[in-house]
Amino acid sequence: MSRYRADERRALHGFPEPQPASGGLTDAMRLLRAALAVRGVETLDGDVHEMHSGRWTLSVAQGVLVWCGPARFGWPGGTGAWTWHPLDDPEGAAQLLAKHLDADPLLRLRRAFPG
C-alpha cells in the first residue's frame, strides 16, 4: 500500500485545507483537549476543524473523530454505535474517550505508533 502525505490525501479526496484552531474554537473543545491531554491523549491544533455546519471536529486517533455539536460530544464506539456525552462535561467525555482508546487493541497500537 502506498503512503500519501497528508496534503496529497486531502487533495485526492477533495478535503479542504485544515484551518488553524485559534480564534473561533469553542470553549468546550478547548476544555476537552485539555482534559484529554491530562489523560495522555495529545492532540494538535491541526486535529481540530470547523465544519460548514458550524460544528467542530477533533481527530483523536486514526478512525476516531469527535464531533462537537450545540449540545453534546459524539464519537463512534467500538461496536459501530455512537457514544454521546453532554457538552457541559468535557472531563467526563475525555474520560470515556480515553477508556475507549485503551480498550481497543488497534487504537492502542495506533496511539503507541502514530503515523
PDB file of N, CA and C in Angstrom:
ATOM      1  N   MET A   1       0.845  -1.175   0.000  1.00  0.00           N
ATOM      2  CA  MET A   1       0.000   0.000   0.000  1.00  0.00           C
ATOM      3  C   MET A   1       0.889   1.236   0.000  1.00  0.00           C
ATOM      4  N   SER A   2       0.627   2.130  -0.887  1.00  0.00           N
ATOM      5  CA  SER A   2       1.445   3.341  -0.937  1.00  0.00           C
ATOM      6  C   SER A   2       0.980   4.316   0.144  1.00  0.00           C
ATOM      7  N   ARG A   3       1.913   5.108   0.609  1.00  0.00           N
ATOM      8  CA  ARG A   3       1.607   6.087   1.646  1.00  0.00           C
ATOM      9  C   ARG A   3       1.605   7.468   1.017  1.00  0.00           C
ATOM     10  N   TYR A   4       0.559   8.206   1.282  1.00  0.00           N
ATOM     11  CA  TYR A   4       0.463   9.572   0.781  1.00  0.00           C
ATOM     12  C   TYR A   4       0.765  10.533   1.914  1.00  0.00           C
ATOM     13  N   ARG A   5       1.320  11.668   1.584  1.00  0.00           N
ATOM     14  CA  ARG A   5       1.432  12.726   2.568  1.00  0.00           C
ATOM     15  C   ARG A   5       0.032  13.266   2.838  1.00  0.00           C
ATOM     16  N   ALA A   6      -0.128  13.901   4.006  1.00  0.00           N
ATOM     17  CA  ALA A   6      -1.450  14.394   4.392  1.00  0.00           C
ATOM     18  C   ALA A   6      -2.031  15.346   3.358  1.00  0.00           C
ATOM     19  N   ASP A   7      -1.200  16.240   2.793  1.00  0.00           N
ATOM     20  CA  ASP A   7      -1.735  17.205   1.829  1.00  0.00           C
ATOM     21  C   ASP A   7      -2.134  16.502   0.536  1.00  0.00           C
ATOM     22  N   GLU A   8      -1.444  15.427   0.162  1.00  0.00           N
ATOM     23  CA  GLU A   8      -1.830  14.674  -1.033  1.00  0.00           C
ATOM     24  C   GLU A   8      -3.153  13.945  -0.809  1.00  0.00           C
ATOM     25  N   ARG A   9      -3.340  13.399   0.401  1.00  0.00           N
ATOM     26  CA  ARG A   9      -4.598  12.704   0.706  1.00  0.00           C
ATOM     27  C   ARG A   9      -5.767  13.676   0.657  1.00  0.00           C
ATOM     28  N   ARG A  10      -5.562  14.873   1.234  1.00  0.00           N
ATOM     29  CA  ARG A  10      -6.653  15.857   1.214  1.00  0.00           C
ATOM     30  C   ARG A  10      -7.023  16.209  -0.221  1.00  0.00           C
ATOM     31  N   ALA A  11      -6.021  16.446  -1.050  1.00  0.00           N
ATOM     32  CA  ALA A  11      -6.286  16.803  -2.446  1.00  0.00           C
ATOM     33  C   ALA A  11      -6.943  15.643  -3.183  1.00  0.00           C
ATOM     34  N   LEU A  12      -6.486  14.436  -2.917  1.00  0.00           N
ATOM     35  CA  LEU A  12      -7.023  13.255  -3.570  1.00  0.00           C
ATOM     36  C   LEU A  12      -8.510  13.073  -3.274  1.00  0.00           C
ATOM     37  N   HIS A  13      -8.896  13.344  -2.026  1.00  0.00           N
ATOM     38  CA  HIS A  13     -10.288  13.136  -1.615  1.00  0.00           C
ATOM     39  C   HIS A  13     -11.115  14.415  -1.610  1.00  0.00           C
ATOM     40  N   GLY A  14     -10.518  15.530  -2.011  1.00  0.00           N
ATOM     41  CA  GLY A  14     -11.266  16.777  -2.099  1.00  0.00           C
ATOM     42  C   GLY A  14     -11.549  17.449  -0.773  1.00  0.00           C
ATOM     43  N   PHE A  15     -10.768  17.131   0.273  1.00  0.00           N
ATOM     44  CA  PHE A  15     -10.986  17.753   1.570  1.00  0.00           C
ATOM     45  C   PHE A  15     -10.348  19.133   1.594  1.00  0.00           C
ATOM     46  N   PRO A  16     -10.935  20.071   2.334  1.00  0.00           N
ATOM     47  CA  PRO A  16     -10.343  21.402   2.419  1.00  0.00           C
ATOM     48  C   PRO A  16      -9.064  21.377   3.255  1.00  0.00           C
ATOM     49  N   GLU A  17      -8.249  22.380   3.044  1.00  0.00           N
ATOM     50  CA  GLU A  17      -7.036  22.509   3.848  1.00  0.00           C
ATOM     51  C   GLU A  17      -7.432  22.761   5.295  1.00  0.00           C
ATOM     52  N   PRO A  18      -6.690  22.195   6.254  1.00  0.00           N
ATOM     53  CA  PRO A  18      -7.030  22.444   7.656  1.00  0.00           C
ATOM     54  C   PRO A  18      -6.830  23.910   8.015  1.00  0.00           C
ATOM     55  N   GLN A  19      -7.705  24.379   8.856  1.00  0.00           N
ATOM     56  CA  GLN A  19      -7.616  25.760   9.317  1.00  0.00           C
ATOM     57  C   GLN A  19      -7.033  25.776  10.716  1.00  0.00           C
ATOM     58  N   PRO A  20      -6.300  26.808  11.058  1.00  0.00           N
ATOM     59  CA  PRO A  20      -5.769  26.873  12.416  1.00  0.00           C
ATOM     60  C   PRO A  20      -6.899  26.908  13.430  1.00  0.00           C
ATOM     61  N   ALA A  21      -6.658  26.328  14.570  1.00  0.00           N
ATOM     62  CA  ALA A  21      -7.710  26.170  15.574  1.00  0.00           C
ATOM     63  C   ALA A  21      -7.833  27.360  16.504  1.00  0.00           C
ATOM     64  N   SER A  22      -7.242  28.451  16.172  1.00  0.00           N
ATOM     65  CA  SER A  22      -7.319  29.607  17.057  1.00  0.00           C
ATOM     66  C   SER A  22      -8.512  30.471  16.685  1.00  0.00           C
ATOM     67  N   GLY A  23      -8.904  31.317  17.594  1.00  0.00           N
ATOM     68  CA  GLY A  23      -9.961  32.279  17.322  1.00  0.00           C
ATOM     69  C   GLY A  23     -11.349  31.733  17.600  1.00  0.00           C
ATOM     70  N   GLY A  24     -11.910  30.950  16.683  1.00  0.00           N
ATOM     71  CA  GLY A  24     -13.282  30.519  16.841  1.00  0.00           C
ATOM     72  C   GLY A  24     -13.478  29.213  17.576  1.00  0.00           C
ATOM     73  N   LEU A  25     -12.418  28.646  18.118  1.00  0.00           N
ATOM     74  CA  LEU A  25     -12.527  27.359  18.801  1.00  0.00           C
ATOM     75  C   LEU A  25     -13.414  27.499  20.027  1.00  0.00           C
ATOM     76  N   THR A  26     -14.380  26.617  20.136  1.00  0.00           N
ATOM     77  CA  THR A  26     -15.315  26.720  21.263  1.00  0.00           C
ATOM     78  C   THR A  26     -14.618  26.369  22.568  1.00  0.00           C
ATOM     79  N   ASP A  27     -15.154  26.889  23.641  1.00  0.00           N
ATOM     80  CA  ASP A  27     -14.606  26.586  24.970  1.00  0.00           C
ATOM     81  C   ASP A  27     -14.710  25.101  25.265  1.00  0.00           C
ATOM     82  N   ALA A  28     -15.790  24.472  24.860  1.00  0.00           N
ATOM     83  CA  ALA A  28     -15.966  23.045  25.136  1.00  0.00           C
ATOM     84  C   ALA A  28     -14.882  22.213  24.464  1.00  0.00           C
ATOM     85  N   MET A  29     -14.538  22.543  23.229  1.00  0.00           N
ATOM     86  CA  MET A  29     -13.497  21.796  22.523  1.00  0.00           C
ATOM     87  C   MET A  29     -12.139  22.034  23.176  1.00  0.00           C
ATOM     88  N   ARG A  30     -11.887  23.264  23.571  1.00  0.00           N
ATOM     89  CA  ARG A  30     -10.619  23.597  24.239  1.00  0.00           C
ATOM     90  C   ARG A  30     -10.513  22.822  25.561  1.00  0.00           C
ATOM     91  N   LEU A  31     -11.602  22.770  26.324  1.00  0.00           N
ATOM     92  CA  LEU A  31     -11.603  22.044  27.593  1.00  0.00           C
ATOM     93  C   LEU A  31     -11.470  20.541  27.374  1.00  0.00           C
ATOM     94  N   LEU A  32     -12.091  20.028  26.319  1.00  0.00           N
ATOM     95  CA  LEU A  32     -11.964  18.597  26.007  1.00  0.00           C
ATOM     96  C   LEU A  32     -10.519  18.244  25.681  1.00  0.00           C
ATOM     97  N   ARG A  33      -9.872  19.056  24.865  1.00  0.00           N
ATOM     98  CA  ARG A  33      -8.473  18.807  24.518  1.00  0.00           C
ATOM     99  C   ARG A  33      -7.582  18.846  25.754  1.00  0.00           C
ATOM    100  N   ALA A  34      -7.828  19.784  26.651  1.00  0.00           N
ATOM    101  CA  ALA A  34      -7.035  19.884  27.884  1.00  0.00           C
ATOM    102  C   ALA A  34      -7.265  18.651  28.761  1.00  0.00           C
ATOM    103  N   ALA A  35      -8.508  18.210  28.868  1.00  0.00           N
ATOM    104  CA  ALA A  35      -8.821  17.031  29.684  1.00  0.00           C
ATOM    105  C   ALA A  35      -8.219  15.765  29.071  1.00  0.00           C
ATOM    106  N   LEU A  36      -8.206  15.669  27.747  1.00  0.00           N
ATOM    107  CA  LEU A  36      -7.578  14.526  27.088  1.00  0.00           C
ATOM    108  C   LEU A  36      -6.071  14.530  27.317  1.00  0.00           C
ATOM    109  N   ALA A  37      -5.450  15.708  27.273  1.00  0.00           N
ATOM    110  CA  ALA A  37      -4.001  15.813  27.480  1.00  0.00           C
ATOM    111  C   ALA A  37      -3.612  15.320  28.877  1.00  0.00           C
ATOM    112  N   VAL A  38      -4.439  15.632  29.880  1.00  0.00           N
ATOM    113  CA  VAL A  38      -4.184  15.161  31.248  1.00  0.00           C
ATOM    114  C   VAL A  38      -4.186  13.630  31.286  1.00  0.00           C
ATOM    115  N   ARG A  39      -4.990  13.014  30.419  1.00  0.00           N
ATOM    116  CA  ARG A  39      -5.096  11.552  30.372  1.00  0.00           C
ATOM    117  C   ARG A  39      -4.121  10.923  29.376  1.00  0.00           C
ATOM    118  N   GLY A  40      -3.205  11.719  28.857  1.00  0.00           N
ATOM    119  CA  GLY A  40      -2.182  11.190  27.967  1.00  0.00           C
ATOM    120  C   GLY A  40      -2.558  11.126  26.509  1.00  0.00           C
ATOM    121  N   VAL A  41      -3.684  11.728  26.135  1.00  0.00           N
ATOM    122  CA  VAL A  41      -4.113  11.753  24.741  1.00  0.00           C
ATOM    123  C   VAL A  41      -3.820  13.145  24.195  1.00  0.00           C
ATOM    124  N   GLU A  42      -2.708  13.266  23.498  1.00  0.00           N
ATOM    125  CA  GLU A  42      -2.291  14.555  22.971  1.00  0.00           C
ATOM    126  C   GLU A  42      -2.952  14.825  21.627  1.00  0.00           C
ATOM    127  N   THR A  43      -3.394  16.041  21.425  1.00  0.00           N
ATOM    128  CA  THR A  43      -3.953  16.463  20.140  1.00  0.00           C
ATOM    129  C   THR A  43      -3.242  17.735  19.707  1.00  0.00           C
ATOM    130  N   LEU A  44      -3.246  17.982  18.428  1.00  0.00           N
ATOM    131  CA  LEU A  44      -2.611  19.169  17.866  1.00  0.00           C
ATOM    132  C   LEU A  44      -3.674  20.143  17.375  1.00  0.00           C
ATOM    133  N   ASP A  45      -3.295  21.392  17.201  1.00  0.00           N
ATOM    134  CA  ASP A  45      -4.236  22.375  16.653  1.00  0.00           C
ATOM    135  C   ASP A  45      -4.758  21.922  15.294  1.00  0.00           C
ATOM    136  N   GLY A  46      -3.911  21.266  14.507  1.00  0.00           N
ATOM    137  CA  GLY A  46      -4.319  20.787  13.188  1.00  0.00           C
ATOM    138  C   GLY A  46      -5.313  19.644  13.221  1.00  0.00           C
ATOM    139  N   ASP A  47      -5.548  19.064  14.413  1.00  0.00           N
ATOM    140  CA  ASP A  47      -6.535  17.991  14.556  1.00  0.00           C
ATOM    141  C   ASP A  47      -7.949  18.531  14.713  1.00  0.00           C
ATOM    142  N   VAL A  48      -8.080  19.841  14.839  1.00  0.00           N
ATOM    143  CA  VAL A  48      -9.374  20.484  15.079  1.00  0.00           C
ATOM    144  C   VAL A  48      -9.824  21.189  13.806  1.00  0.00           C
ATOM    145  N   HIS A  49     -11.073  20.956  13.425  1.00  0.00           N
ATOM    146  CA  HIS A  49     -11.606  21.576  12.206  1.00  0.00           C
ATOM    147  C   HIS A  49     -13.027  22.065  12.451  1.00  0.00           C
ATOM    148  N   GLU A  50     -13.324  23.220  11.886  1.00  0.00           N
ATOM    149  CA  GLU A  50     -14.695  23.713  11.919  1.00  0.00           C
ATOM    150  C   GLU A  50     -15.384  23.255  10.633  1.00  0.00           C
ATOM    151  N   MET A  51     -16.535  22.630  10.779  1.00  0.00           N
ATOM    152  CA  MET A  51     -17.285  22.145   9.630  1.00  0.00           C
ATOM    153  C   MET A  51     -18.164  23.273   9.086  1.00  0.00           C
ATOM    154  N   HIS A  52     -18.643  23.109   7.871  1.00  0.00           N
ATOM    155  CA  HIS A  52     -19.518  24.119   7.263  1.00  0.00           C
ATOM    156  C   HIS A  52     -20.793  24.320   8.075  1.00  0.00           C
ATOM    157  N   SER A  53     -21.191  23.281   8.815  1.00  0.00           N
ATOM    158  CA  SER A  53     -22.404  23.369   9.623  1.00  0.00           C
ATOM    159  C   SER A  53     -22.204  24.197  10.887  1.00  0.00           C
ATOM    160  N   GLY A  54     -20.950  24.589  11.167  1.00  0.00           N
ATOM    161  CA  GLY A  54     -20.667  25.334  12.383  1.00  0.00           C
ATOM    162  C   GLY A  54     -20.232  24.442  13.526  1.00  0.00           C
ATOM    163  N   ARG A  55     -20.286  23.138  13.328  1.00  0.00           N
ATOM    164  CA  ARG A  55     -19.821  22.210  14.354  1.00  0.00           C
ATOM    165  C   ARG A  55     -18.314  22.040  14.223  1.00  0.00           C
ATOM    166  N   TRP A  56     -17.727  21.538  15.302  1.00  0.00           N
ATOM    167  CA  TRP A  56     -16.288  21.308  15.337  1.00  0.00           C
ATOM    168  C   TRP A  56     -16.017  19.813  15.372  1.00  0.00           C
ATOM    169  N   THR A  57     -14.897  19.396  14.802  1.00  0.00           N
ATOM    170  CA  THR A  57     -14.459  18.004  14.912  1.00  0.00           C
ATOM    171  C   THR A  57     -13.038  17.981  15.453  1.00  0.00           C
ATOM    172  N   LEU A  58     -12.729  16.908  16.155  1.00  0.00           N
ATOM    173  CA  LEU A  58     -11.401  16.690  16.705  1.00  0.00           C
ATOM    174  C   LEU A  58     -10.983  15.275  16.357  1.00  0.00           C
ATOM    175  N   SER A  59      -9.888  15.155  15.627  1.00  0.00           N
ATOM    176  CA  SER A  59      -9.341  13.841  15.307  1.00  0.00           C
ATOM    177  C   SER A  59      -8.476  13.401  16.473  1.00  0.00           C
ATOM    178  N   VAL A  60      -8.963  12.416  17.232  1.00  0.00           N
ATOM    179  CA  VAL A  60      -8.268  11.951  18.425  1.00  0.00           C
ATOM    180  C   VAL A  60      -7.254  10.872  18.063  1.00  0.00           C
ATOM    181  N   ALA A  61      -7.641   9.979  17.178  1.00  0.00           N
ATOM    182  CA  ALA A  61      -6.782   8.901  16.695  1.00  0.00           C
ATOM    183  C   ALA A  61      -7.291   8.528  15.317  1.00  0.00           C
ATOM    184  N   GLN A  62      -6.486   7.807  14.565  1.00  0.00           N
ATOM    185  CA  GLN A  62      -6.942   7.394  13.245  1.00  0.00           C
ATOM    186  C   GLN A  62      -8.207   6.556  13.417  1.00  0.00           C
ATOM    187  N   GLY A  63      -9.278   7.000  12.786  1.00  0.00           N
ATOM    188  CA  GLY A  63     -10.549   6.299  12.886  1.00  0.00           C
ATOM    189  C   GLY A  63     -11.454   6.796  13.988  1.00  0.00           C
ATOM    190  N   VAL A  64     -10.991   7.726  14.819  1.00  0.00           N
ATOM    191  CA  VAL A  64     -11.822   8.259  15.905  1.00  0.00           C
ATOM    192  C   VAL A  64     -11.929   9.770  15.734  1.00  0.00           C
ATOM    193  N   LEU A  65     -13.091  10.209  15.287  1.00  0.00           N
ATOM    194  CA  LEU A  65     -13.358  11.623  15.075  1.00  0.00           C
ATOM    195  C   LEU A  65     -14.452  12.053  16.043  1.00  0.00           C
ATOM    196  N   VAL A  66     -14.145  13.007  16.895  1.00  0.00           N
ATOM    197  CA  VAL A  66     -15.099  13.500  17.885  1.00  0.00           C
ATOM    198  C   VAL A  66     -15.824  14.701  17.296  1.00  0.00           C
ATOM    199  N   TRP A  67     -17.144  14.654  17.339  1.00  0.00           N
ATOM    200  CA  TRP A  67     -17.971  15.771  16.878  1.00  0.00           C
ATOM    201  C   TRP A  67     -18.375  16.591  18.088  1.00  0.00           C
ATOM    202  N   CYS A  68     -18.321  17.901  17.933  1.00  0.00           N
ATOM    203  CA  CYS A  68     -18.740  18.820  18.994  1.00  0.00           C
ATOM    204  C   CYS A  68     -19.896  19.630  18.439  1.00  0.00           C
ATOM    205  N   GLY A  69     -21.093  19.318  18.896  1.00  0.00           N
ATOM    206  CA  GLY A  69     -22.282  19.999  18.406  1.00  0.00           C
ATOM    207  C   GLY A  69     -22.808  20.979  19.431  1.00  0.00           C
ATOM    208  N   PRO A  70     -23.997  21.501  19.207  1.00  0.00           N
ATOM    209  CA  PRO A  70     -24.518  22.518  20.107  1.00  0.00           C
ATOM    210  C   PRO A  70     -24.811  22.006  21.513  1.00  0.00           C
ATOM    211  N   ALA A  71     -25.066  20.709  21.671  1.00  0.00           N
ATOM    212  CA  ALA A  71     -25.450  20.213  22.990  1.00  0.00           C
ATOM    213  C   ALA A  71     -24.618  19.030  23.477  1.00  0.00           C
ATOM    214  N   ARG A  72     -23.810  18.417  22.584  1.00  0.00           N
ATOM    215  CA  ARG A  72     -23.118  17.198  23.007  1.00  0.00           C
ATOM    216  C   ARG A  72     -21.892  16.899  22.152  1.00  0.00           C
ATOM    217  N   PHE A  73     -21.028  16.079  22.733  1.00  0.00           N
ATOM    218  CA  PHE A  73     -19.911  15.480  22.017  1.00  0.00           C
ATOM    219  C   PHE A  73     -20.386  14.122  21.501  1.00  0.00           C
ATOM    220  N   GLY A  74     -19.845  13.687  20.383  1.00  0.00           N
ATOM    221  CA  GLY A  74     -20.177  12.357  19.883  1.00  0.00           C
ATOM    222  C   GLY A  74     -19.000  11.756  19.148  1.00  0.00           C
ATOM    223  N   TRP A  75     -18.869  10.435  19.248  1.00  0.00           N
ATOM    224  CA  TRP A  75     -17.813   9.714  18.531  1.00  0.00           C
ATOM    225  C   TRP A  75     -18.278   8.281  18.306  1.00  0.00           C
ATOM    226  N   PRO A  76     -17.744   7.627  17.270  1.00  0.00           N
ATOM    227  CA  PRO A  76     -18.148   6.243  17.003  1.00  0.00           C
ATOM    228  C   PRO A  76     -17.541   5.304  18.038  1.00  0.00           C
ATOM    229  N   GLY A  77     -18.382   4.443  18.573  1.00  0.00           N
ATOM    230  CA  GLY A  77     -17.913   3.472  19.551  1.00  0.00           C
ATOM    231  C   GLY A  77     -17.355   2.233  18.867  1.00  0.00           C
ATOM    232  N   GLY A  78     -16.880   1.299  19.655  1.00  0.00           N
ATOM    233  CA  GLY A  78     -16.269   0.088  19.130  1.00  0.00           C
ATOM    234  C   GLY A  78     -17.225  -0.817  18.380  1.00  0.00           C
ATOM    235  N   THR A  79     -18.506  -0.750  18.701  1.00  0.00           N
ATOM    236  CA  THR A  79     -19.483  -1.627  18.057  1.00  0.00           C
ATOM    237  C   THR A  79     -20.143  -0.966  16.849  1.00  0.00           C
ATOM    238  N   GLY A  80     -19.725   0.241  16.524  1.00  0.00           N
ATOM    239  CA  GLY A  80     -20.332   0.967  15.414  1.00  0.00           C
ATOM    240  C   GLY A  80     -21.405   1.930  15.871  1.00  0.00           C
ATOM    241  N   ALA A  81     -21.898   1.745  17.096  1.00  0.00           N
ATOM    242  CA  ALA A  81     -22.884   2.677  17.649  1.00  0.00           C
ATOM    243  C   ALA A  81     -22.157   3.934  18.134  1.00  0.00           C
ATOM    244  N   TRP A  82     -22.842   5.056  18.078  1.00  0.00           N
ATOM    245  CA  TRP A  82     -22.239   6.310  18.511  1.00  0.00           C
ATOM    246  C   TRP A  82     -22.359   6.471  20.014  1.00  0.00           C
ATOM    247  N   THR A  83     -21.348   7.046  20.608  1.00  0.00           N
ATOM    248  CA  THR A  83     -21.365   7.419  22.014  1.00  0.00           C
ATOM    249  C   THR A  83     -21.600   8.919  22.071  1.00  0.00           C
ATOM    250  N   TRP A  84     -22.551   9.326  22.907  1.00  0.00           N
ATOM    251  CA  TRP A  84     -22.877  10.747  23.056  1.00  0.00           C
ATOM    252  C   TRP A  84     -22.631  11.152  24.495  1.00  0.00           C
ATOM    253  N   HIS A  85     -22.144  12.374  24.685  1.00  0.00           N
ATOM    254  CA  HIS A  85     -21.884  12.879  26.029  1.00  0.00           C
ATOM    255  C   HIS A  85     -22.198  14.375  26.054  1.00  0.00           C
ATOM    256  N   PRO A  86     -22.789  14.855  27.155  1.00  0.00           N
ATOM    257  CA  PRO A  86     -23.174  16.273  27.225  1.00  0.00           C
ATOM    258  C   PRO A  86     -21.990  17.211  27.037  1.00  0.00           C
ATOM    259  N   LEU A  87     -22.234  18.286  26.348  1.00  0.00           N
ATOM    260  CA  LEU A  87     -21.206  19.273  26.034  1.00  0.00           C
ATOM    261  C   LEU A  87     -20.684  19.977  27.284  1.00  0.00           C
ATOM    262  N   ASP A  88     -21.525  20.067  28.312  1.00  0.00           N
ATOM    263  CA  ASP A  88     -21.106  20.784  29.522  1.00  0.00           C
ATOM    264  C   ASP A  88     -20.243  19.927  30.456  1.00  0.00           C
ATOM    265  N   ASP A  89     -19.846  18.722  30.011  1.00  0.00           N
ATOM    266  CA  ASP A  89     -18.993  17.844  30.813  1.00  0.00           C
ATOM    267  C   ASP A  89     -17.816  17.317  29.985  1.00  0.00           C
ATOM    268  N   PRO A  90     -16.884  18.201  29.586  1.00  0.00           N
ATOM    269  CA  PRO A  90     -15.754  17.739  28.784  1.00  0.00           C
ATOM    270  C   PRO A  90     -14.838  16.777  29.537  1.00  0.00           C
ATOM    271  N   GLU A  91     -14.752  16.908  30.866  1.00  0.00           N
ATOM    272  CA  GLU A  91     -13.941  15.976  31.666  1.00  0.00           C
ATOM    273  C   GLU A  91     -14.490  14.558  31.551  1.00  0.00           C
ATOM    274  N   GLY A  92     -15.800  14.434  31.651  1.00  0.00           N
ATOM    275  CA  GLY A  92     -16.431  13.116  31.524  1.00  0.00           C
ATOM    276  C   GLY A  92     -16.266  12.545  30.131  1.00  0.00           C
ATOM    277  N   ALA A  93     -16.379  13.398  29.118  1.00  0.00           N
ATOM    278  CA  ALA A  93     -16.185  12.941  27.738  1.00  0.00           C
ATOM    279  C   ALA A  93     -14.751  12.470  27.531  1.00  0.00           C
ATOM    280  N   ALA A  94     -13.783  13.199  28.092  1.00  0.00           N
ATOM    281  CA  ALA A  94     -12.378  12.812  27.969  1.00  0.00           C
ATOM    282  C   ALA A  94     -12.119  11.477  28.649  1.00  0.00           C
ATOM    283  N   GLN A  95     -12.739  11.275  29.787  1.00  0.00           N
ATOM    284  CA  GLN A  95     -12.576  10.008  30.500  1.00  0.00           C
ATOM    285  C   GLN A  95     -13.130   8.844  29.670  1.00  0.00           C
ATOM    286  N   LEU A  96     -14.302   9.021  29.089  1.00  0.00           N
ATOM    287  CA  LEU A  96     -14.897   7.971  28.245  1.00  0.00           C
ATOM    288  C   LEU A  96     -14.055   7.720  26.995  1.00  0.00           C
ATOM    289  N   LEU A  97     -13.558   8.789  26.376  1.00  0.00           N
ATOM    290  CA  LEU A  97     -12.722   8.637  25.186  1.00  0.00           C
ATOM    291  C   LEU A  97     -11.427   7.900  25.497  1.00  0.00           C
ATOM    292  N   ALA A  98     -10.783   8.247  26.613  1.00  0.00           N
ATOM    293  CA  ALA A  98      -9.536   7.585  27.000  1.00  0.00           C
ATOM    294  C   ALA A  98      -9.777   6.096  27.247  1.00  0.00           C
ATOM    295  N   LYS A  99     -10.898   5.760  27.899  1.00  0.00           N
ATOM    296  CA  LYS A  99     -11.242   4.342  28.113  1.00  0.00           C
ATOM    297  C   LYS A  99     -11.464   3.641  26.782  1.00  0.00           C
ATOM    298  N   HIS A 100     -12.145   4.326  25.863  1.00  0.00           N
ATOM    299  CA  HIS A 100     -12.409   3.758  24.531  1.00  0.00           C
ATOM    300  C   HIS A 100     -11.096   3.476  23.801  1.00  0.00           C
ATOM    301  N   LEU A 101     -10.158   4.416  23.858  1.00  0.00           N
ATOM    302  CA  LEU A 101      -8.876   4.248  23.187  1.00  0.00           C
ATOM    303  C   LEU A 101      -8.064   3.116  23.817  1.00  0.00           C
ATOM    304  N   ASP A 102      -8.110   3.000  25.136  1.00  0.00           N
ATOM    305  CA  ASP A 102      -7.346   1.958  25.817  1.00  0.00           C
ATOM    306  C   ASP A 102      -7.974   0.575  25.660  1.00  0.00           C
ATOM    307  N   ALA A 103      -9.286   0.508  25.458  1.00  0.00           N
ATOM    308  CA  ALA A 103      -9.967  -0.785  25.358  1.00  0.00           C
ATOM    309  C   ALA A 103      -9.785  -1.447  23.995  1.00  0.00           C
ATOM    310  N   ASP A 104      -9.522  -0.667  22.976  1.00  0.00           N
ATOM    311  CA  ASP A 104      -9.398  -1.211  21.619  1.00  0.00           C
ATOM    312  C   ASP A 104      -7.928  -1.478  21.308  1.00  0.00           C
ATOM    313  N   PRO A 105      -7.544  -2.743  21.070  1.00  0.00           N
ATOM    314  CA  PRO A 105      -6.128  -3.044  20.829  1.00  0.00           C
ATOM    315  C   PRO A 105      -5.554  -2.327  19.610  1.00  0.00           C
ATOM    316  N   LEU A 106      -6.338  -2.182  18.559  1.00  0.00           N
ATOM    317  CA  LEU A 106      -5.854  -1.497  17.365  1.00  0.00           C
ATOM    318  C   LEU A 106      -5.606  -0.015  17.646  1.00  0.00           C
ATOM    319  N   LEU A 107      -6.516   0.607  18.376  1.00  0.00           N
ATOM    320  CA  LEU A 107      -6.335   2.012  18.725  1.00  0.00           C
ATOM    321  C   LEU A 107      -5.153   2.205  19.672  1.00  0.00           C
ATOM    322  N   ARG A 108      -4.928   1.223  20.571  1.00  0.00           N
ATOM    323  CA  ARG A 108      -3.744   1.298  21.448  1.00  0.00           C
ATOM    324  C   ARG A 108      -2.471   1.288  20.612  1.00  0.00           C
ATOM    325  N   LEU A 109      -2.426   0.421  19.595  1.00  0.00           N
ATOM    326  CA  LEU A 109      -1.249   0.362  18.725  1.00  0.00           C
ATOM    327  C   LEU A 109      -1.084   1.658  17.934  1.00  0.00           C
ATOM    328  N   ARG A 110      -2.197   2.190  17.410  1.00  0.00           N
ATOM    329  CA  ARG A 110      -2.118   3.443  16.645  1.00  0.00           C
ATOM    330  C   ARG A 110      -1.627   4.580  17.524  1.00  0.00           C
ATOM    331  N   ARG A 111      -2.055   4.550  18.799  1.00  0.00           N
ATOM    332  CA  ARG A 111      -1.636   5.590  19.728  1.00  0.00           C
ATOM    333  C   ARG A 111      -0.161   5.440  20.084  1.00  0.00           C
ATOM    334  N   ALA A 112       0.293   4.196  20.221  1.00  0.00           N
ATOM    335  CA  ALA A 112       1.688   3.939  20.574  1.00  0.00           C
ATOM    336  C   ALA A 112       2.638   4.224  19.411  1.00  0.00           C
ATOM    337  N   PHE A 113       2.145   3.993  18.177  1.00  0.00           N
ATOM    338  CA  PHE A 113       2.991   4.170  16.988  1.00  0.00           C
ATOM    339  C   PHE A 113       2.268   5.031  15.962  1.00  0.00           C
ATOM    340  N   PRO A 114       2.145   6.342  16.220  1.00  0.00           N
ATOM    341  CA  PRO A 114       1.418   7.216  15.274  1.00  0.00           C
ATOM    342  C   PRO A 114       2.156   7.314  13.936  1.00  0.00           C
ATOM    343  N   GLY A 115       1.357   7.594  12.917  1.00  0.00           N
ATOM    344  CA  GLY A 115       1.936   7.830  11.596  1.00  0.00           C
ATOM    345  C   GLY A 115       2.085   6.583  10.871  1.00  0.00           C
TER     346      GLY A 115
END
